[in-house]
């Protein structure tokens, strides 16, 4: 289950990242100009970041190893990009919470 979980998460996260970049990029720059009044514009991250976060979230829920998934994927991604740590932890936490909620209700 390890490799398919990584593949599924990477594909879904990359697809979300590509969709945000391709369809909502002008909206993000316009919103950033409104919020920051002309300083650095707000924009979405690159699709590979979404792929990394998706890999961690799917690995955590499919294999039921949230902490291991966070550490493994962050080390697999290079370990030097600290901008991906908080989104990864948040996505894994939300995914595990939703999985537990669905298991409790189902």
PDB file of N, CA and C in Angstrom:
ATOM      1  N   UNK A   1       0.802  -1.208   0.000  1.00  0.00           N
ATOM      2  CA  UNK A   1       0.000   0.000   0.000  1.00  0.00           C
ATOM      3  C   UNK A   1       0.842   1.270   0.000  1.00  0.00           C
ATOM      4  N   UNK A   2       2.131   1.131   0.241  1.00  0.00           N
ATOM      5  CA  UNK A   2       2.989   2.298   0.371  1.00  0.00           C
ATOM      6  C   UNK A   2       3.124   3.059  -0.949  1.00  0.00           C
ATOM      7  N   UNK A   3       3.561   2.389  -1.986  1.00  0.00           N
ATOM      8  CA  UNK A   3       3.792   3.054  -3.273  1.00  0.00           C
ATOM      9  C   UNK A   3       2.499   3.573  -3.915  1.00  0.00           C
ATOM     10  N   UNK A   4       1.401   2.806  -3.913  1.00  0.00           N
ATOM     11  CA  UNK A   4       0.163   3.370  -4.472  1.00  0.00           C
ATOM     12  C   UNK A   4      -0.346   4.580  -3.696  1.00  0.00           C
ATOM     13  N   UNK A   5      -0.150   4.609  -2.381  1.00  0.00           N
ATOM     14  CA  UNK A   5      -0.576   5.768  -1.593  1.00  0.00           C
ATOM     15  C   UNK A   5       0.215   7.006  -1.997  1.00  0.00           C
ATOM     16  N   UNK A   6       1.499   6.839  -2.203  1.00  0.00           N
ATOM     17  CA  UNK A   6       2.324   7.969  -2.638  1.00  0.00           C
ATOM     18  C   UNK A   6       1.928   8.438  -4.033  1.00  0.00           C
ATOM     19  N   UNK A   7       1.681   7.492  -4.924  1.00  0.00           N
ATOM     20  CA  UNK A   7       1.324   7.829  -6.301  1.00  0.00           C
ATOM     21  C   UNK A   7      -0.025   8.542  -6.367  1.00  0.00           C
ATOM     22  N   UNK A   8      -1.020   8.017  -5.656  1.00  0.00           N
ATOM     23  CA  UNK A   8      -2.349   8.631  -5.666  1.00  0.00           C
ATOM     24  C   UNK A   8      -2.299  10.037  -5.081  1.00  0.00           C
ATOM     25  N   UNK A   9      -1.619  10.179  -3.957  1.00  0.00           N
ATOM     26  CA  UNK A   9      -1.526  11.496  -3.337  1.00  0.00           C
ATOM     27  C   UNK A   9      -0.781  12.494  -4.186  1.00  0.00           C
ATOM     28  N   UNK A  10       0.284  12.048  -4.819  1.00  0.00           N
ATOM     29  CA  UNK A  10       1.050  12.930  -5.684  1.00  0.00           C
ATOM     30  C   UNK A  10       0.226  13.374  -6.891  1.00  0.00           C
ATOM     31  N   UNK A  11      -0.491  12.451  -7.489  1.00  0.00           N
ATOM     32  CA  UNK A  11      -1.326  12.799  -8.649  1.00  0.00           C
ATOM     33  C   UNK A  11      -2.440  13.769  -8.274  1.00  0.00           C
ATOM     34  N   UNK A  12      -3.141  13.499  -7.181  1.00  0.00           N
ATOM     35  CA  UNK A  12      -4.244  14.370  -6.786  1.00  0.00           C
ATOM     36  C   UNK A  12      -3.747  15.737  -6.329  1.00  0.00           C
ATOM     37  N   UNK A  13      -2.653  15.780  -5.580  1.00  0.00           N
ATOM     38  CA  UNK A  13      -2.094  17.055  -5.148  1.00  0.00           C
ATOM     39  C   UNK A  13      -1.560  17.865  -6.310  1.00  0.00           C
ATOM     40  N   UNK A  14      -0.867  17.210  -7.228  1.00  0.00           N
ATOM     41  CA  UNK A  14      -0.370  17.903  -8.414  1.00  0.00           C
ATOM     42  C   UNK A  14      -1.493  18.412  -9.296  1.00  0.00           C
ATOM     43  N   UNK A  15      -2.568  17.641  -9.393  1.00  0.00           N
ATOM     44  CA  UNK A  15      -3.728  18.066 -10.175  1.00  0.00           C
ATOM     45  C   UNK A  15      -4.380  19.298  -9.547  1.00  0.00           C
ATOM     46  N   UNK A  16      -4.486  19.315  -8.233  1.00  0.00           N
ATOM     47  CA  UNK A  16      -5.031  20.481  -7.542  1.00  0.00           C
ATOM     48  C   UNK A  16      -4.121  21.694  -7.747  1.00  0.00           C
ATOM     49  N   UNK A  17      -2.831  21.488  -7.623  1.00  0.00           N
ATOM     50  CA  UNK A  17      -1.887  22.587  -7.833  1.00  0.00           C
ATOM     51  C   UNK A  17      -1.927  23.137  -9.245  1.00  0.00           C
ATOM     52  N   UNK A  18      -2.006  22.248 -10.226  1.00  0.00           N
ATOM     53  CA  UNK A  18      -2.106  22.704 -11.622  1.00  0.00           C
ATOM     54  C   UNK A  18      -3.404  23.459 -11.860  1.00  0.00           C
ATOM     55  N   UNK A  19      -4.489  22.957 -11.280  1.00  0.00           N
ATOM     56  CA  UNK A  19      -5.776  23.639 -11.434  1.00  0.00           C
ATOM     57  C   UNK A  19      -5.767  25.029 -10.818  1.00  0.00           C
ATOM     58  N   UNK A  20      -5.197  25.140  -9.632  1.00  0.00           N
ATOM     59  CA  UNK A  20      -5.107  26.455  -9.001  1.00  0.00           C
ATOM     60  C   UNK A  20      -4.226  27.394  -9.810  1.00  0.00           C
ATOM     61  N   UNK A  21      -3.108  26.885 -10.306  1.00  0.00           N
ATOM     62  CA  UNK A  21      -2.201  27.730 -11.080  1.00  0.00           C
ATOM     63  C   UNK A  21      -2.815  28.146 -12.419  1.00  0.00           C
ATOM     64  N   UNK A  22      -3.471  27.216 -13.092  1.00  0.00           N
ATOM     65  CA  UNK A  22      -3.979  27.510 -14.434  1.00  0.00           C
ATOM     66  C   UNK A  22      -5.253  28.343 -14.435  1.00  0.00           C
ATOM     67  N   UNK A  23      -6.137  28.105 -13.457  1.00  0.00           N
ATOM     68  CA  UNK A  23      -7.443  28.759 -13.497  1.00  0.00           C
ATOM     69  C   UNK A  23      -7.590  29.919 -12.528  1.00  0.00           C
ATOM     70  N   UNK A  24      -6.840  29.933 -11.418  1.00  0.00           N
ATOM     71  CA  UNK A  24      -7.030  30.967 -10.416  1.00  0.00           C
ATOM     72  C   UNK A  24      -5.836  31.889 -10.246  1.00  0.00           C
ATOM     73  N   UNK A  25      -4.821  31.785 -11.100  1.00  0.00           N
ATOM     74  CA  UNK A  25      -3.631  32.619 -10.957  1.00  0.00           C
ATOM     75  C   UNK A  25      -3.944  34.113 -11.082  1.00  0.00           C
ATOM     76  N   UNK A  26      -4.712  34.574 -12.080  1.00  0.00           N
ATOM     77  CA  UNK A  26      -5.014  36.015 -12.140  1.00  0.00           C
ATOM     78  C   UNK A  26      -5.813  36.494 -10.937  1.00  0.00           C
ATOM     79  N   UNK A  27      -6.699  35.638 -10.439  1.00  0.00           N
ATOM     80  CA  UNK A  27      -7.480  36.005  -9.262  1.00  0.00           C
ATOM     81  C   UNK A  27      -6.587  36.175  -8.041  1.00  0.00           C
ATOM     82  N   UNK A  28      -5.599  35.304  -7.867  1.00  0.00           N
ATOM     83  CA  UNK A  28      -4.705  35.387  -6.712  1.00  0.00           C
ATOM     84  C   UNK A  28      -3.846  36.640  -6.766  1.00  0.00           C
ATOM     85  N   UNK A  29      -3.371  37.009  -7.936  1.00  0.00           N
ATOM     86  CA  UNK A  29      -2.548  38.215  -8.049  1.00  0.00           C
ATOM     87  C   UNK A  29      -3.396  39.461  -7.808  1.00  0.00           C
ATOM     88  N   UNK A  30      -4.624  39.494  -8.326  1.00  0.00           N
ATOM     89  CA  UNK A  30      -5.513  40.632  -8.103  1.00  0.00           C
ATOM     90  C   UNK A  30      -5.869  40.753  -6.629  1.00  0.00           C
ATOM     91  N   UNK A  31      -6.195  39.643  -5.994  1.00  0.00           N
ATOM     92  CA  UNK A  31      -6.525  39.662  -4.573  1.00  0.00           C
ATOM     93  C   UNK A  31      -5.313  40.097  -3.758  1.00  0.00           C
ATOM     94  N   UNK A  32      -4.136  39.653  -4.141  1.00  0.00           N
ATOM     95  CA  UNK A  32      -2.934  40.065  -3.431  1.00  0.00           C
ATOM     96  C   UNK A  32      -2.676  41.551  -3.557  1.00  0.00           C
ATOM     97  N   UNK A  33      -2.948  42.118  -4.731  1.00  0.00           N
ATOM     98  CA  UNK A  33      -2.774  43.557  -4.904  1.00  0.00           C
ATOM     99  C   UNK A  33      -3.772  44.336  -4.060  1.00  0.00           C
ATOM    100  N   UNK A  34      -4.971  43.803  -3.907  1.00  0.00           N
ATOM    101  CA  UNK A  34      -5.962  44.479  -3.080  1.00  0.00           C
ATOM    102  C   UNK A  34      -5.613  44.399  -1.597  1.00  0.00           C
ATOM    103  N   UNK A  35      -5.119  43.246  -1.176  1.00  0.00           N
ATOM    104  CA  UNK A  35      -4.827  43.038   0.245  1.00  0.00           C
ATOM    105  C   UNK A  35      -3.548  43.760   0.657  1.00  0.00           C
ATOM    106  N   UNK A  36      -2.499  43.684  -0.155  1.00  0.00           N
ATOM    107  CA  UNK A  36      -1.204  44.237   0.244  1.00  0.00           C
ATOM    108  C   UNK A  36      -0.955  45.633  -0.313  1.00  0.00           C
ATOM    109  N   UNK A  37      -1.863  46.222  -1.053  1.00  0.00           N
ATOM    110  CA  UNK A  37      -1.747  47.547  -1.655  1.00  0.00           C
ATOM    111  C   UNK A  37      -0.450  47.741  -2.417  1.00  0.00           C
ATOM    112  N   UNK A  38      -0.141  46.822  -3.321  1.00  0.00           N
ATOM    113  CA  UNK A  38       0.952  47.017  -4.238  1.00  0.00           C
ATOM    114  C   UNK A  38       2.296  46.458  -3.806  1.00  0.00           C
ATOM    115  N   UNK A  39       2.445  45.982  -2.587  1.00  0.00           N
ATOM    116  CA  UNK A  39       3.723  45.358  -2.239  1.00  0.00           C
ATOM    117  C   UNK A  39       3.756  43.971  -2.862  1.00  0.00           C
ATOM    118  N   UNK A  40       4.451  43.035  -2.293  1.00  0.00           N
ATOM    119  CA  UNK A  40       4.565  41.707  -2.911  1.00  0.00           C
ATOM    120  C   UNK A  40       3.199  41.073  -3.100  1.00  0.00           C
ATOM    121  N   UNK A  41       2.842  40.677  -4.329  1.00  0.00           N
ATOM    122  CA  UNK A  41       1.514  40.084  -4.551  1.00  0.00           C
ATOM    123  C   UNK A  41       1.434  38.665  -4.011  1.00  0.00           C
ATOM    124  N   UNK A  42       0.270  38.317  -3.557  1.00  0.00           N
ATOM    125  CA  UNK A  42       0.003  36.971  -3.066  1.00  0.00           C
ATOM    126  C   UNK A  42      -0.231  36.067  -4.259  1.00  0.00           C
ATOM    127  N   UNK A  43       0.353  34.898  -4.259  1.00  0.00           N
ATOM    128  CA  UNK A  43       0.131  33.949  -5.349  1.00  0.00           C
ATOM    129  C   UNK A  43       0.162  32.534  -4.781  1.00  0.00           C
ATOM    130  N   UNK A  44      -0.441  31.607  -5.495  1.00  0.00           N
ATOM    131  CA  UNK A  44      -0.425  30.215  -5.076  1.00  0.00           C
ATOM    132  C   UNK A  44       0.971  29.630  -5.216  1.00  0.00           C
ATOM    133  N   UNK A  45       1.219  28.566  -4.510  1.00  0.00           N
ATOM    134  CA  UNK A  45       2.513  27.899  -4.589  1.00  0.00           C
ATOM    135  C   UNK A  45       2.597  27.085  -5.885  1.00  0.00           C
ATOM    136  N   UNK A  46       3.770  26.548  -6.152  1.00  0.00           N
ATOM    137  CA  UNK A  46       3.965  25.750  -7.358  1.00  0.00           C
ATOM    138  C   UNK A  46       3.266  24.393  -7.190  1.00  0.00           C
ATOM    139  N   UNK A  47       2.865  23.747  -8.289  1.00  0.00           N
ATOM    140  CA  UNK A  47       2.155  22.477  -8.191  1.00  0.00           C
ATOM    141  C   UNK A  47       2.939  21.363  -7.492  1.00  0.00           C
ATOM    142  N   UNK A  48       4.261  21.400  -7.541  1.00  0.00           N
ATOM    143  CA  UNK A  48       5.018  20.338  -6.872  1.00  0.00           C
ATOM    144  C   UNK A  48       4.853  20.385  -5.358  1.00  0.00           C
ATOM    145  N   UNK A  49       4.631  21.553  -4.807  1.00  0.00           N
ATOM    146  CA  UNK A  49       4.362  21.651  -3.370  1.00  0.00           C
ATOM    147  C   UNK A  49       3.060  20.962  -3.022  1.00  0.00           C
ATOM    148  N   UNK A  50       2.044  21.152  -3.836  1.00  0.00           N
ATOM    149  CA  UNK A  50       0.765  20.480  -3.614  1.00  0.00           C
ATOM    150  C   UNK A  50       0.907  18.963  -3.765  1.00  0.00           C
ATOM    151  N   UNK A  51       1.781  18.529  -4.663  1.00  0.00           N
ATOM    152  CA  UNK A  51       2.019  17.091  -4.825  1.00  0.00           C
ATOM    153  C   UNK A  51       2.664  16.505  -3.579  1.00  0.00           C
ATOM    154  N   UNK A  52       3.608  17.214  -2.980  1.00  0.00           N
ATOM    155  CA  UNK A  52       4.256  16.737  -1.756  1.00  0.00           C
ATOM    156  C   UNK A  52       3.253  16.659  -0.616  1.00  0.00           C
ATOM    157  N   UNK A  53       2.435  17.692  -0.473  1.00  0.00           N
ATOM    158  CA  UNK A  53       1.429  17.703   0.584  1.00  0.00           C
ATOM    159  C   UNK A  53       0.396  16.593   0.358  1.00  0.00           C
ATOM    160  N   UNK A  54       0.004  16.371  -0.879  1.00  0.00           N
ATOM    161  CA  UNK A  54      -0.942  15.292  -1.179  1.00  0.00           C
ATOM    162  C   UNK A  54      -0.368  13.918  -0.890  1.00  0.00           C
ATOM    163  N   UNK A  55       0.922  13.734  -1.184  1.00  0.00           N
ATOM    164  CA  UNK A  55       1.575  12.454  -0.867  1.00  0.00           C
ATOM    165  C   UNK A  55       1.533  12.183   0.623  1.00  0.00           C
ATOM    166  N   UNK A  56       1.863  13.180   1.418  1.00  0.00           N
ATOM    167  CA  UNK A  56       1.881  12.994   2.869  1.00  0.00           C
ATOM    168  C   UNK A  56       0.486  12.711   3.413  1.00  0.00           C
ATOM    169  N   UNK A  57      -0.509  13.440   2.936  1.00  0.00           N
ATOM    170  CA  UNK A  57      -1.877  13.251   3.437  1.00  0.00           C
ATOM    171  C   UNK A  57      -2.424  11.875   3.064  1.00  0.00           C
ATOM    172  N   UNK A  58      -2.185  11.438   1.841  1.00  0.00           N
ATOM    173  CA  UNK A  58      -2.710  10.126   1.448  1.00  0.00           C
ATOM    174  C   UNK A  58      -1.957   8.990   2.139  1.00  0.00           C
ATOM    175  N   UNK A  59      -0.658   9.133   2.294  1.00  0.00           N
ATOM    176  CA  UNK A  59       0.105   8.101   3.007  1.00  0.00           C
ATOM    177  C   UNK A  59      -0.338   8.005   4.459  1.00  0.00           C
ATOM    178  N   UNK A  60      -0.597   9.150   5.079  1.00  0.00           N
ATOM    179  CA  UNK A  60      -1.021   9.149   6.481  1.00  0.00           C
ATOM    180  C   UNK A  60      -2.379   8.478   6.665  1.00  0.00           C
ATOM    181  N   UNK A  61      -3.299   8.693   5.738  1.00  0.00           N
ATOM    182  CA  UNK A  61      -4.636   8.115   5.905  1.00  0.00           C
ATOM    183  C   UNK A  61      -4.729   6.675   5.429  1.00  0.00           C
ATOM    184  N   UNK A  62      -4.064   6.350   4.350  1.00  0.00           N
ATOM    185  CA  UNK A  62      -4.164   4.988   3.831  1.00  0.00           C
ATOM    186  C   UNK A  62      -3.412   3.997   4.709  1.00  0.00           C
ATOM    187  N   UNK A  63      -2.208   4.358   5.122  1.00  0.00           N
ATOM    188  CA  UNK A  63      -1.393   3.452   5.938  1.00  0.00           C
ATOM    189  C   UNK A  63      -1.554   3.684   7.435  1.00  0.00           C
ATOM    190  N   UNK A  64      -2.314   4.706   7.835  1.00  0.00           N
ATOM    191  CA  UNK A  64      -2.571   5.040   9.245  1.00  0.00           C
ATOM    192  C   UNK A  64      -1.284   5.332  10.012  1.00  0.00           C
ATOM    193  N   UNK A  65      -0.392   6.137   9.414  1.00  0.00           N
ATOM    194  CA  UNK A  65       0.865   6.517  10.053  1.00  0.00           C
ATOM    195  C   UNK A  65       1.085   8.022   9.861  1.00  0.00           C
ATOM    196  N   UNK A  66       0.384   8.886  10.597  1.00  0.00           N
ATOM    197  CA  UNK A  66       0.484  10.320  10.323  1.00  0.00           C
ATOM    198  C   UNK A  66       1.860  10.931  10.605  1.00  0.00           C
ATOM    199  N   UNK A  67       2.445  10.645  11.736  1.00  0.00           N
ATOM    200  CA  UNK A  67       3.731  11.250  12.065  1.00  0.00           C
ATOM    201  C   UNK A  67       4.840  10.727  11.148  1.00  0.00           C
ATOM    202  N   UNK A  68       4.803   9.444  10.882  1.00  0.00           N
ATOM    203  CA  UNK A  68       5.780   8.861   9.975  1.00  0.00           C
ATOM    204  C   UNK A  68       5.645   9.452   8.576  1.00  0.00           C
ATOM    205  N   UNK A  69       4.416   9.682   8.136  1.00  0.00           N
ATOM    206  CA  UNK A  69       4.194  10.256   6.807  1.00  0.00           C
ATOM    207  C   UNK A  69       4.766  11.659   6.714  1.00  0.00           C
ATOM    208  N   UNK A  70       4.584  12.460   7.765  1.00  0.00           N
ATOM    209  CA  UNK A  70       5.106  13.826   7.748  1.00  0.00           C
ATOM    210  C   UNK A  70       6.622  13.815   7.656  1.00  0.00           C
ATOM    211  N   UNK A  71       7.262  13.060   8.528  1.00  0.00           N
ATOM    212  CA  UNK A  71       8.724  13.030   8.558  1.00  0.00           C
ATOM    213  C   UNK A  71       9.280  12.429   7.273  1.00  0.00           C
ATOM    214  N   UNK A  72       8.689  11.339   6.802  1.00  0.00           N
ATOM    215  CA  UNK A  72       9.190  10.663   5.612  1.00  0.00           C
ATOM    216  C   UNK A  72       9.084  11.543   4.370  1.00  0.00           C
ATOM    217  N   UNK A  73       7.951  12.161   4.171  1.00  0.00           N
ATOM    218  CA  UNK A  73       7.761  12.961   2.965  1.00  0.00           C
ATOM    219  C   UNK A  73       8.604  14.236   3.014  1.00  0.00           C
ATOM    220  N   UNK A  74       8.733  14.847   4.190  1.00  0.00           N
ATOM    221  CA  UNK A  74       9.574  16.041   4.274  1.00  0.00           C
ATOM    222  C   UNK A  74      11.037  15.710   4.017  1.00  0.00           C
ATOM    223  N   UNK A  75      11.489  14.564   4.487  1.00  0.00           N
ATOM    224  CA  UNK A  75      12.863  14.146   4.196  1.00  0.00           C
ATOM    225  C   UNK A  75      13.014  13.729   2.737  1.00  0.00           C
ATOM    226  N   UNK A  76      11.988  13.124   2.186  1.00  0.00           N
ATOM    227  CA  UNK A  76      12.019  12.711   0.789  1.00  0.00           C
ATOM    228  C   UNK A  76      12.052  13.919  -0.143  1.00  0.00           C
ATOM    229  N   UNK A  77      11.423  15.010   0.286  1.00  0.00           N
ATOM    230  CA  UNK A  77      11.369  16.220  -0.532  1.00  0.00           C
ATOM    231  C   UNK A  77      12.630  17.060  -0.420  1.00  0.00           C
ATOM    232  N   UNK A  78      13.566  16.659   0.380  1.00  0.00           N
ATOM    233  CA  UNK A  78      14.822  17.392   0.477  1.00  0.00           C
ATOM    234  C   UNK A  78      15.125  17.875   1.866  1.00  0.00           C
ATOM    235  N   UNK A  79      14.122  18.152   2.667  1.00  0.00           N
ATOM    236  CA  UNK A  79      14.337  18.566   4.038  1.00  0.00           C
ATOM    237  C   UNK A  79      14.823  19.982   4.222  1.00  0.00           C
ATOM    238  N   UNK A  80      15.040  20.725   3.135  1.00  0.00           N
ATOM    239  CA  UNK A  80      15.539  22.088   3.253  1.00  0.00           C
ATOM    240  C   UNK A  80      14.475  23.130   2.953  1.00  0.00           C
ATOM    241  N   UNK A  81      13.340  22.712   2.454  1.00  0.00           N
ATOM    242  CA  UNK A  81      12.260  23.633   2.107  1.00  0.00           C
ATOM    243  C   UNK A  81      11.296  23.726   3.287  1.00  0.00           C
ATOM    244  N   UNK A  82      11.495  24.706   4.150  1.00  0.00           N
ATOM    245  CA  UNK A  82      10.665  24.820   5.347  1.00  0.00           C
ATOM    246  C   UNK A  82       9.303  25.431   5.054  1.00  0.00           C
ATOM    247  N   UNK A  83       9.092  25.942   3.861  1.00  0.00           N
ATOM    248  CA  UNK A  83       7.796  26.496   3.502  1.00  0.00           C
ATOM    249  C   UNK A  83       6.727  25.446   3.294  1.00  0.00           C
ATOM    250  N   UNK A  84       7.117  24.194   3.195  1.00  0.00           N
ATOM    251  CA  UNK A  84       6.153  23.121   2.970  1.00  0.00           C
ATOM    252  C   UNK A  84       5.797  22.388   4.270  1.00  0.00           C
ATOM    253  N   UNK A  85       6.467  22.709   5.367  1.00  0.00           N
ATOM    254  CA  UNK A  85       6.238  21.981   6.620  1.00  0.00           C
ATOM    255  C   UNK A  85       4.839  22.240   7.166  1.00  0.00           C
ATOM    256  N   UNK A  86       4.457  23.500   7.306  1.00  0.00           N
ATOM    257  CA  UNK A  86       3.153  23.820   7.881  1.00  0.00           C
ATOM    258  C   UNK A  86       1.985  23.313   7.023  1.00  0.00           C
ATOM    259  N   UNK A  87       2.002  23.493   5.691  1.00  0.00           N
ATOM    260  CA  UNK A  87       0.911  22.919   4.895  1.00  0.00           C
ATOM    261  C   UNK A  87       0.850  21.392   4.989  1.00  0.00           C
ATOM    262  N   UNK A  88       2.002  20.739   5.097  1.00  0.00           N
ATOM    263  CA  UNK A  88       2.016  19.281   5.207  1.00  0.00           C
ATOM    264  C   UNK A  88       1.405  18.831   6.524  1.00  0.00           C
ATOM    265  N   UNK A  89       1.798  19.455   7.605  1.00  0.00           N
ATOM    266  CA  UNK A  89       1.251  19.092   8.918  1.00  0.00           C
ATOM    267  C   UNK A  89      -0.246  19.371   8.961  1.00  0.00           C
ATOM    268  N   UNK A  90      -0.674  20.506   8.419  1.00  0.00           N
ATOM    269  CA  UNK A  90      -2.096  20.836   8.416  1.00  0.00           C
ATOM    270  C   UNK A  90      -2.903  19.857   7.563  1.00  0.00           C
ATOM    271  N   UNK A  91      -2.391  19.505   6.385  1.00  0.00           N
ATOM    272  CA  UNK A  91      -3.114  18.580   5.512  1.00  0.00           C
ATOM    273  C   UNK A  91      -3.197  17.184   6.116  1.00  0.00           C
ATOM    274  N   UNK A  92      -2.104  16.729   6.723  1.00  0.00           N
ATOM    275  CA  UNK A  92      -2.117  15.407   7.355  1.00  0.00           C
ATOM    276  C   UNK A  92      -3.071  15.399   8.542  1.00  0.00           C
ATOM    277  N   UNK A  93      -3.045  16.440   9.345  1.00  0.00           N
ATOM    278  CA  UNK A  93      -3.967  16.520  10.481  1.00  0.00           C
ATOM    279  C   UNK A  93      -5.413  16.521  10.051  1.00  0.00           C
ATOM    280  N   UNK A  94      -5.734  17.299   9.028  1.00  0.00           N
ATOM    281  CA  UNK A  94      -7.102  17.340   8.524  1.00  0.00           C
ATOM    282  C   UNK A  94      -7.512  16.014   7.904  1.00  0.00           C
ATOM    283  N   UNK A  95      -6.627  15.390   7.161  1.00  0.00           N
ATOM    284  CA  UNK A  95      -6.948  14.108   6.526  1.00  0.00           C
ATOM    285  C   UNK A  95      -7.186  13.011   7.554  1.00  0.00           C
ATOM    286  N   UNK A  96      -6.346  12.961   8.583  1.00  0.00           N
ATOM    287  CA  UNK A  96      -6.522  11.939   9.625  1.00  0.00           C
ATOM    288  C   UNK A  96      -7.793  12.207  10.420  1.00  0.00           C
ATOM    289  N   UNK A  97      -8.081  13.472  10.695  1.00  0.00           N
ATOM    290  CA  UNK A  97      -9.312  13.808  11.416  1.00  0.00           C
ATOM    291  C   UNK A  97     -10.545  13.413  10.611  1.00  0.00           C
ATOM    292  N   UNK A  98     -10.545  13.720   9.322  1.00  0.00           N
ATOM    293  CA  UNK A  98     -11.691  13.350   8.474  1.00  0.00           C
ATOM    294  C   UNK A  98     -11.818  11.837   8.352  1.00  0.00           C
ATOM    295  N   UNK A  99     -10.698  11.143   8.284  1.00  0.00           N
ATOM    296  CA  UNK A  99     -10.752   9.669   8.212  1.00  0.00           C
ATOM    297  C   UNK A  99     -11.359   9.107   9.485  1.00  0.00           C
ATOM    298  N   UNK A 100     -10.924   9.597  10.643  1.00  0.00           N
ATOM    299  CA  UNK A 100     -11.483   9.120  11.905  1.00  0.00           C
ATOM    300  C   UNK A 100     -12.963   9.451  12.011  1.00  0.00           C
ATOM    301  N   UNK A 101     -13.349  10.615  11.557  1.00  0.00           N
ATOM    302  CA  UNK A 101     -14.761  11.020  11.593  1.00  0.00           C
ATOM    303  C   UNK A 101     -15.605  10.132  10.689  1.00  0.00           C
ATOM    304  N   UNK A 102     -15.087   9.826   9.486  1.00  0.00           N
ATOM    305  CA  UNK A 102     -15.834   8.968   8.571  1.00  0.00           C
ATOM    306  C   UNK A 102     -15.924   7.530   9.090  1.00  0.00           C
ATOM    307  N   UNK A 103     -14.873   7.050   9.738  1.00  0.00           N
ATOM    308  CA  UNK A 103     -14.911   5.712  10.316  1.00  0.00           C
ATOM    309  C   UNK A 103     -15.886   5.650  11.486  1.00  0.00           C
ATOM    310  N   UNK A 104     -15.983   6.725  12.244  1.00  0.00           N
ATOM    311  CA  UNK A 104     -16.900   6.769  13.378  1.00  0.00           C
ATOM    312  C   UNK A 104     -18.354   6.805  12.909  1.00  0.00           C
ATOM    313  N   UNK A 105     -18.622   7.566  11.850  1.00  0.00           N
ATOM    314  CA  UNK A 105     -19.978   7.669  11.334  1.00  0.00           C
ATOM    315  C   UNK A 105     -20.405   6.453  10.506  1.00  0.00           C
ATOM    316  N   UNK A 106     -19.440   5.798   9.887  1.00  0.00           N
ATOM    317  CA  UNK A 106     -19.770   4.704   8.976  1.00  0.00           C
ATOM    318  C   UNK A 106     -19.740   3.436   9.676  1.00  0.00           C
TER     319      UNK A 106
END
